[in-house]
Protein backbone atom coordinates (compact mmCIF):
# COMPACT_ATOMS: atom_id res chain seq x y z
CA MET A 1 -1.07 -2.82 19.04
CA THR A 2 -1.93 0.78 18.48
CA ASP A 3 -5.04 1.98 16.68
CA LYS A 4 -2.83 3.33 13.88
CA ASN A 5 -1.20 -0.08 13.30
CA LYS A 6 -4.59 -1.81 13.39
CA LYS A 7 -5.75 0.24 10.38
CA TRP A 8 -2.67 -0.81 8.43
CA ILE A 9 -3.04 -4.47 9.45
CA ASP A 10 -6.71 -4.45 8.41
CA ALA A 11 -5.82 -2.87 5.06
CA LYS A 12 -3.06 -5.45 4.54
CA LYS A 13 -5.51 -8.31 5.03
CA LYS A 14 -8.40 -6.78 3.09
CA PHE A 15 -6.39 -5.82 0.01
CA ARG A 16 -3.91 -8.73 0.22
CA LEU A 17 -0.83 -6.51 0.41
CA SER A 18 2.65 -7.57 1.43
CA ASP A 19 4.75 -5.98 4.18
CA THR A 20 6.75 -4.31 1.43
CA HIS A 21 3.64 -2.68 -0.08
CA ILE A 22 2.50 -1.49 3.35
CA GLN A 23 5.95 -0.01 4.04
CA MET A 24 5.91 1.78 0.68
CA ALA A 25 2.42 3.17 1.29
CA ARG A 26 3.42 4.40 4.74
CA GLU A 27 6.52 6.14 3.40
CA LEU A 28 4.38 7.78 0.72
CA GLY A 29 2.01 9.06 3.40
CA MET A 30 -0.97 7.19 2.02
CA ASN A 31 -4.13 6.74 4.09
CA PRO A 32 -5.22 3.08 4.51
CA LYS A 33 -8.86 4.20 4.67
CA LYS A 34 -8.61 5.43 1.05
CA PHE A 35 -7.37 2.11 -0.39
CA GLY A 36 -10.91 1.09 -1.31
CA SER A 37 -11.21 3.91 -3.83
CA LEU A 38 -7.72 3.23 -5.22
CA ASP A 39 -8.22 -0.53 -5.61
CA ASN A 40 -9.23 -1.95 -8.99
CA HIS A 41 -12.69 -3.49 -8.70
CA LYS A 42 -12.44 -5.26 -12.10
CA GLN A 43 -15.08 -2.86 -13.45
CA GLU A 44 -12.49 -0.16 -14.01
CA ARG A 45 -10.14 -1.82 -16.48
CA TRP A 46 -7.98 1.29 -16.83
CA LYS A 47 -7.00 1.14 -13.15
CA ALA A 48 -3.89 -0.76 -12.10
CA PRO A 49 -4.18 -3.24 -9.22
CA LEU A 50 -3.42 -1.61 -5.85
CA PRO A 51 0.00 -3.27 -5.33
CA GLU A 52 1.16 -2.14 -8.79
CA PHE A 53 -0.19 1.36 -8.18
CA ILE A 54 1.76 1.64 -4.92
CA GLU A 55 4.95 0.35 -6.63
CA ASP A 56 4.60 2.85 -9.50
CA ILE A 57 4.05 5.84 -7.23
CA TYR A 58 6.91 4.74 -4.94
CA PHE A 59 9.33 4.45 -7.86
CA LYS A 60 8.30 7.84 -9.28
CA THR A 61 8.74 9.48 -5.88
CA PHE A 62 11.90 7.83 -4.52
CA LYS A 63 13.57 6.49 -7.72
CA LYS A 64 14.02 3.03 -6.23
CA GLU A 65 12.12 -0.25 -6.45
CA THR A 66 11.70 -1.06 -2.75
CA PRO A 67 12.40 0.50 0.66
CA ASP A 68 15.86 -0.06 2.14
CA VAL A 69 14.44 -1.47 5.38
CA ILE A 70 11.11 -3.28 5.58
CA LYS A 71 9.46 -3.23 8.99
CA LYS A 72 6.92 -5.93 9.86
CA LEU A 73 3.61 -4.84 11.37
CA LYS A 74 2.86 -6.31 14.77
């Protein structure tokens, strides 16, 4: 396991994201270290939950709901 994959695996566990959400975030060029500031902490009611945020940005960028191929992290 590379150091790069470890960051994504840690983010997946910490923010309870699926492989699909991780794949979308990677294709969007998102930084897993920044997920903490993007996540809704229940105090910021205007913020969408992180999985919904990733889905919205992905759809706006690529005009499709999910990636064609979903790669599992190892």
